[in-house]
C-alpha cells in the first residue's frame, strides 16, 4: 500500500482532534474594551453610554451594543442600587456565624439554605471553611426583629447546631469591586 492510499483511507490526527480544537469558539472572550467597561460600570452603572465614551475610546453606540452583549452573555449578573448610610446607620446589622449539626444530611442543609434565601433579613450568605459552616449578614430594624428572626429561622431548625452573632458598629469599607485586567 502506498502512502497516498494510506492517507486517504485513514483519518488524520488533525481530523480526529478537529472538534476539540474549536472549543474556544463556544466560550465568549472579553477584550480590553469589555474589561474597561466592566471596571467602570462596577463603580457606577448609572453612567450613560456618552459618559462612558469619555473614558473608553469607543462610540456611545458601540458601548451600548457591548453592554447589551455583556448582559445577554451573563457577564453582568444584575444591576442594583446601593442605599446610602443614611438608611443603614439606623439599622441593626449582624454577622451571624452558623454551625450546622455534625451529621446534617444534604437534604437538611438544602432546607436551611432555602429558609435563608426566603427571608429578607439575610442580605448575604456564604458557605465558608473553618469553625462555622455559613456566614450571614443579617439586617433588621431593631433587636426585637433580630430575635424573632433567630427564633423563627435558626433556632426552629434542627439542622442548625448553634449560631454566634457579632453586631456591626460601623462600616469601614464596602467595595464590591473586582479589578479586571487582560490576562
C-alpha atoms as a PDB file:
ATOM      1  CA  UNK A   1       0.000   0.000   0.000  1.00  0.00           C
ATOM      2  CA  UNK A   2       1.457   3.340  -0.958  1.00  0.00           C
ATOM      3  CA  UNK A   3       1.496   6.434   1.280  1.00  0.00           C
ATOM      4  CA  UNK A   4      -1.099   8.249  -0.772  1.00  0.00           C
ATOM      5  CA  UNK A   5      -3.652   5.432  -0.432  1.00  0.00           C
ATOM      6  CA  UNK A   6      -2.960   5.025   3.306  1.00  0.00           C
ATOM      7  CA  UNK A   7      -3.597   8.741   3.910  1.00  0.00           C
ATOM      8  CA  UNK A   8      -6.896   8.708   2.065  1.00  0.00           C
ATOM      9  CA  UNK A   9      -8.417   5.775   3.980  1.00  0.00           C
ATOM     10  CA  UNK A  10      -7.286   6.606   7.480  1.00  0.00           C
ATOM     11  CA  UNK A  11      -8.390   9.769   9.215  1.00  0.00           C
ATOM     12  CA  UNK A  12      -5.568  12.088  10.034  1.00  0.00           C
ATOM     13  CA  UNK A  13      -4.827  13.122  13.591  1.00  0.00           C
ATOM     14  CA  UNK A  14      -5.915  16.635  12.696  1.00  0.00           C
ATOM     15  CA  UNK A  15      -9.377  15.478  11.641  1.00  0.00           C
ATOM     16  CA  UNK A  16      -9.827  13.398  14.795  1.00  0.00           C
ATOM     17  CA  UNK A  17      -8.995  16.334  17.063  1.00  0.00           C
ATOM     18  CA  UNK A  18     -10.740  18.996  14.991  1.00  0.00           C
ATOM     19  CA  UNK A  19     -13.869  19.033  17.127  1.00  0.00           C
ATOM     20  CA  UNK A  20     -11.915  19.646  20.310  1.00  0.00           C
ATOM     21  CA  UNK A  21      -9.665  22.231  18.693  1.00  0.00           C
ATOM     22  CA  UNK A  22     -12.550  24.683  18.349  1.00  0.00           C
ATOM     23  CA  UNK A  23     -13.659  24.686  21.974  1.00  0.00           C
ATOM     24  CA  UNK A  24     -12.787  28.366  22.286  1.00  0.00           C
ATOM     25  CA  UNK A  25     -15.458  29.302  19.737  1.00  0.00           C
ATOM     26  CA  UNK A  26     -18.168  28.477  22.286  1.00  0.00           C
ATOM     27  CA  UNK A  27     -16.505  30.465  25.085  1.00  0.00           C
ATOM     28  CA  UNK A  28     -17.077  34.203  24.705  1.00  0.00           C
ATOM     29  CA  UNK A  29     -13.888  36.196  25.059  1.00  0.00           C
ATOM     30  CA  UNK A  30     -13.595  39.601  26.679  1.00  0.00           C
ATOM     31  CA  UNK A  31     -11.355  42.126  25.005  1.00  0.00           C
ATOM     32  CA  UNK A  32      -9.685  45.121  26.711  1.00  0.00           C
ATOM     33  CA  UNK A  33     -12.659  47.377  25.845  1.00  0.00           C
ATOM     34  CA  UNK A  34     -15.067  44.945  27.555  1.00  0.00           C
ATOM     35  CA  UNK A  35     -12.823  44.800  30.635  1.00  0.00           C
ATOM     36  CA  UNK A  36     -12.568  48.595  30.804  1.00  0.00           C
ATOM     37  CA  UNK A  37     -16.367  48.898  30.516  1.00  0.00           C
ATOM     38  CA  UNK A  38     -16.908  46.327  33.253  1.00  0.00           C
ATOM     39  CA  UNK A  39     -14.446  48.139  35.521  1.00  0.00           C
ATOM     40  CA  UNK A  40     -16.264  51.450  35.018  1.00  0.00           C
ATOM     41  CA  UNK A  41     -19.802  50.175  35.498  1.00  0.00           C
ATOM     42  CA  UNK A  42     -18.865  48.215  38.624  1.00  0.00           C
ATOM     43  CA  UNK A  43     -18.219  51.547  40.295  1.00  0.00           C
ATOM     44  CA  UNK A  44     -21.205  53.393  38.759  1.00  0.00           C
ATOM     45  CA  UNK A  45     -23.698  51.681  36.477  1.00  0.00           C
ATOM     46  CA  UNK A  46     -25.822  54.818  36.138  1.00  0.00           C
ATOM     47  CA  UNK A  47     -23.408  56.370  33.605  1.00  0.00           C
ATOM     48  CA  UNK A  48     -24.773  56.810  30.106  1.00  0.00           C
ATOM     49  CA  UNK A  49     -23.016  55.476  27.019  1.00  0.00           C
ATOM     50  CA  UNK A  50     -21.955  59.066  26.251  1.00  0.00           C
ATOM     51  CA  UNK A  51     -20.344  59.406  29.689  1.00  0.00           C
ATOM     52  CA  UNK A  52     -18.599  56.040  29.351  1.00  0.00           C
ATOM     53  CA  UNK A  53     -17.303  57.036  25.911  1.00  0.00           C
ATOM     54  CA  UNK A  54     -15.368  59.867  27.587  1.00  0.00           C
ATOM     55  CA  UNK A  55     -13.257  57.187  29.324  1.00  0.00           C
ATOM     56  CA  UNK A  56     -13.134  54.476  26.654  1.00  0.00           C
ATOM     57  CA  UNK A  57     -12.127  55.027  23.022  1.00  0.00           C
ATOM     58  CA  UNK A  58     -15.416  53.746  21.577  1.00  0.00           C
ATOM     59  CA  UNK A  59     -18.504  55.476  20.263  1.00  0.00           C
ATOM     60  CA  UNK A  60     -21.559  55.624  22.524  1.00  0.00           C
ATOM     61  CA  UNK A  61     -23.442  53.255  20.191  1.00  0.00           C
ATOM     62  CA  UNK A  62     -20.588  50.720  20.312  1.00  0.00           C
ATOM     63  CA  UNK A  63     -20.582  50.957  24.101  1.00  0.00           C
ATOM     64  CA  UNK A  64     -24.351  50.428  24.246  1.00  0.00           C
ATOM     65  CA  UNK A  65     -24.051  47.338  21.993  1.00  0.00           C
ATOM     66  CA  UNK A  66     -21.231  45.930  24.126  1.00  0.00           C
ATOM     67  CA  UNK A  67     -23.186  46.475  27.340  1.00  0.00           C
ATOM     68  CA  UNK A  68     -26.231  44.697  25.859  1.00  0.00           C
ATOM     69  CA  UNK A  69     -23.995  41.779  24.822  1.00  0.00           C
ATOM     70  CA  UNK A  70     -22.261  41.626  28.215  1.00  0.00           C
ATOM     71  CA  UNK A  71     -25.668  41.453  29.926  1.00  0.00           C
ATOM     72  CA  UNK A  72     -27.058  38.910  27.461  1.00  0.00           C
ATOM     73  CA  UNK A  73     -23.953  36.701  27.797  1.00  0.00           C
ATOM     74  CA  UNK A  74     -24.179  36.764  31.598  1.00  0.00           C
ATOM     75  CA  UNK A  75     -21.017  38.765  32.325  1.00  0.00           C
ATOM     76  CA  UNK A  76     -23.189  41.308  34.139  1.00  0.00           C
ATOM     77  CA  UNK A  77     -25.281  39.406  36.654  1.00  0.00           C
ATOM     78  CA  UNK A  78     -27.612  42.222  37.678  1.00  0.00           C
ATOM     79  CA  UNK A  79     -27.741  45.939  38.344  1.00  0.00           C
ATOM     80  CA  UNK A  80     -28.711  47.148  41.821  1.00  0.00           C
ATOM     81  CA  UNK A  81     -28.845  50.429  43.735  1.00  0.00           C
ATOM     82  CA  UNK A  82     -26.849  50.675  46.964  1.00  0.00           C
ATOM     83  CA  UNK A  83     -28.547  52.802  49.593  1.00  0.00           C
ATOM     84  CA  UNK A  84     -26.624  55.483  51.437  1.00  0.00           C
ATOM     85  CA  UNK A  85     -25.556  55.171  55.045  1.00  0.00           C
ATOM     86  CA  UNK A  86     -28.464  57.457  55.987  1.00  0.00           C
ATOM     87  CA  UNK A  87     -30.589  54.299  55.792  1.00  0.00           C
ATOM     88  CA  UNK A  88     -28.168  51.681  57.074  1.00  0.00           C
ATOM     89  CA  UNK A  89     -26.711  53.582  60.043  1.00  0.00           C
ATOM     90  CA  UNK A  90     -30.025  53.397  61.923  1.00  0.00           C
ATOM     91  CA  UNK A  91     -30.483  49.648  61.406  1.00  0.00           C
ATOM     92  CA  UNK A  92     -29.337  46.677  63.439  1.00  0.00           C
ATOM     93  CA  UNK A  93     -26.909  44.599  61.394  1.00  0.00           C
ATOM     94  CA  UNK A  94     -25.059  41.496  62.487  1.00  0.00           C
ATOM     95  CA  UNK A  95     -22.659  38.944  61.128  1.00  0.00           C
ATOM     96  CA  UNK A  96     -24.070  35.565  62.103  1.00  0.00           C
ATOM     97  CA  UNK A  97     -21.750  32.561  62.165  1.00  0.00           C
ATOM     98  CA  UNK A  98     -23.874  29.470  61.683  1.00  0.00           C
ATOM     99  CA  UNK A  99     -22.727  25.965  62.587  1.00  0.00           C
ATOM    100  CA  UNK A 100     -24.733  23.056  61.214  1.00  0.00           C
ATOM    101  CA  UNK A 101     -25.328  19.794  63.045  1.00  0.00           C
ATOM    102  CA  UNK A 102     -22.398  17.412  62.749  1.00  0.00           C
ATOM    103  CA  UNK A 103     -24.421  14.797  60.909  1.00  0.00           C
ATOM    104  CA  UNK A 104     -26.506  17.172  58.795  1.00  0.00           C
ATOM    105  CA  UNK A 105     -27.506  15.472  55.592  1.00  0.00           C
ATOM    106  CA  UNK A 106     -27.704  17.177  52.222  1.00  0.00           C
ATOM    107  CA  UNK A 107     -31.492  17.459  52.444  1.00  0.00           C
ATOM    108  CA  UNK A 108     -31.291  19.253  55.808  1.00  0.00           C
ATOM    109  CA  UNK A 109     -28.554  21.557  54.560  1.00  0.00           C
ATOM    110  CA  UNK A 110     -30.599  22.450  51.482  1.00  0.00           C
ATOM    111  CA  UNK A 111     -33.637  23.176  53.688  1.00  0.00           C
ATOM    112  CA  UNK A 112     -31.589  25.620  55.795  1.00  0.00           C
ATOM    113  CA  UNK A 113     -30.293  27.342  52.659  1.00  0.00           C
ATOM    114  CA  UNK A 114     -33.830  27.636  51.251  1.00  0.00           C
ATOM    115  CA  UNK A 115     -35.068  29.179  54.512  1.00  0.00           C
ATOM    116  CA  UNK A 116     -32.212  31.698  54.464  1.00  0.00           C
ATOM    117  CA  UNK A 117     -32.907  32.575  50.835  1.00  0.00           C
ATOM    118  CA  UNK A 118     -36.582  33.158  51.620  1.00  0.00           C
ATOM    119  CA  UNK A 119     -36.139  35.809  54.337  1.00  0.00           C
ATOM    120  CA  UNK A 120     -35.427  39.453  53.612  1.00  0.00           C
ATOM    121  CA  UNK A 121     -33.296  39.935  56.726  1.00  0.00           C
ATOM    122  CA  UNK A 122     -30.448  37.849  55.247  1.00  0.00           C
ATOM    123  CA  UNK A 123     -28.517  40.132  52.923  1.00  0.00           C
ATOM    124  CA  UNK A 124     -25.800  37.654  52.076  1.00  0.00           C
ATOM    125  CA  UNK A 125     -24.961  34.091  52.928  1.00  0.00           C
ATOM    126  CA  UNK A 126     -21.640  32.401  52.237  1.00  0.00           C
ATOM    127  CA  UNK A 127     -20.631  28.798  52.800  1.00  0.00           C
ATOM    128  CA  UNK A 128     -17.216  29.028  54.450  1.00  0.00           C
ATOM    129  CA  UNK A 129     -14.439  26.876  55.853  1.00  0.00           C
ATOM    130  CA  UNK A 130     -13.365  26.893  59.476  1.00  0.00           C
ATOM    131  CA  UNK A 131     -15.347  26.635  62.686  1.00  0.00           C
ATOM    132  CA  UNK A 132     -18.653  27.761  61.196  1.00  0.00           C
ATOM    133  CA  UNK A 133     -20.369  26.451  58.072  1.00  0.00           C
ATOM    134  CA  UNK A 134     -22.287  29.530  56.914  1.00  0.00           C
ATOM    135  CA  UNK A 135     -21.659  33.254  57.327  1.00  0.00           C
ATOM    136  CA  UNK A 136     -24.667  35.569  57.126  1.00  0.00           C
ATOM    137  CA  UNK A 137     -25.157  39.304  57.098  1.00  0.00           C
ATOM    138  CA  UNK A 138     -28.479  39.932  58.817  1.00  0.00           C
ATOM    139  CA  UNK A 139     -30.205  43.327  58.646  1.00  0.00           C
ATOM    140  CA  UNK A 140     -33.125  44.178  60.947  1.00  0.00           C
ATOM    141  CA  UNK A 141     -34.931  47.293  62.097  1.00  0.00           C
ATOM    142  CA  UNK A 142     -34.291  46.538  65.791  1.00  0.00           C
ATOM    143  CA  UNK A 143     -33.334  43.860  68.332  1.00  0.00           C
ATOM    144  CA  UNK A 144     -36.897  42.574  68.558  1.00  0.00           C
ATOM    145  CA  UNK A 145     -36.930  41.777  64.836  1.00  0.00           C
ATOM    146  CA  UNK A 146     -33.473  40.181  65.105  1.00  0.00           C
ATOM    147  CA  UNK A 147     -34.612  37.932  67.973  1.00  0.00           C
ATOM    148  CA  UNK A 148     -37.737  36.948  66.049  1.00  0.00           C
ATOM    149  CA  UNK A 149     -35.580  36.109  63.001  1.00  0.00           C
ATOM    150  CA  UNK A 150     -33.255  33.954  65.122  1.00  0.00           C
ATOM    151  CA  UNK A 151     -36.158  32.117  66.786  1.00  0.00           C
ATOM    152  CA  UNK A 152     -38.139  31.558  63.583  1.00  0.00           C
ATOM    153  CA  UNK A 153     -35.308  30.756  61.175  1.00  0.00           C
ATOM    154  CA  UNK A 154     -32.323  29.497  63.155  1.00  0.00           C
ATOM    155  CA  UNK A 155     -33.500  28.007  66.464  1.00  0.00           C
ATOM    156  CA  UNK A 156     -36.524  26.343  64.872  1.00  0.00           C
ATOM    157  CA  UNK A 157     -34.321  24.341  62.501  1.00  0.00           C
ATOM    158  CA  UNK A 158     -32.831  21.085  63.870  1.00  0.00           C
ATOM    159  CA  UNK A 159     -30.057  21.222  61.250  1.00  0.00           C
ATOM    160  CA  UNK A 160     -28.672  24.365  62.910  1.00  0.00           C
ATOM    161  CA  UNK A 161     -26.414  23.251  65.763  1.00  0.00           C
ATOM    162  CA  UNK A 162     -25.541  26.728  67.019  1.00  0.00           C
ATOM    163  CA  UNK A 163     -25.053  30.312  65.903  1.00  0.00           C
ATOM    164  CA  UNK A 164     -22.990  33.217  67.107  1.00  0.00           C
ATOM    165  CA  UNK A 165     -23.658  36.877  66.349  1.00  0.00           C
ATOM    166  CA  UNK A 166     -21.335  39.852  66.062  1.00  0.00           C
ATOM    167  CA  UNK A 167     -23.162  43.145  65.748  1.00  0.00           C
ATOM    168  CA  UNK A 168     -21.811  45.732  63.331  1.00  0.00           C
ATOM    169  CA  UNK A 169     -20.853  49.013  64.990  1.00  0.00           C
ATOM    170  CA  UNK A 170     -19.949  50.859  61.784  1.00  0.00           C
ATOM    171  CA  UNK A 171     -18.993  50.176  58.208  1.00  0.00           C
ATOM    172  CA  UNK A 172     -15.385  50.993  57.428  1.00  0.00           C
ATOM    173  CA  UNK A 173     -15.195  49.725  53.861  1.00  0.00           C
ATOM    174  CA  UNK A 174     -17.656  48.267  51.423  1.00  0.00           C
ATOM    175  CA  UNK A 175     -16.201  47.898  47.938  1.00  0.00           C
ATOM    176  CA  UNK A 176     -17.701  45.032  45.941  1.00  0.00           C
ATOM    177  CA  UNK A 177     -15.364  45.686  43.007  1.00  0.00           C
ATOM    178  CA  UNK A 178     -13.259  43.212  41.049  1.00  0.00           C
ATOM    179  CA  UNK A 179     -10.418  44.849  39.123  1.00  0.00           C
ATOM    180  CA  UNK A 180     -10.413  43.174  35.713  1.00  0.00           C
ATOM    181  CA  UNK A 181      -7.250  43.097  33.621  1.00  0.00           C
ATOM    182  CA  UNK A 182      -6.279  41.334  30.428  1.00  0.00           C
ATOM    183  CA  UNK A 183      -4.518  38.037  31.111  1.00  0.00           C
END
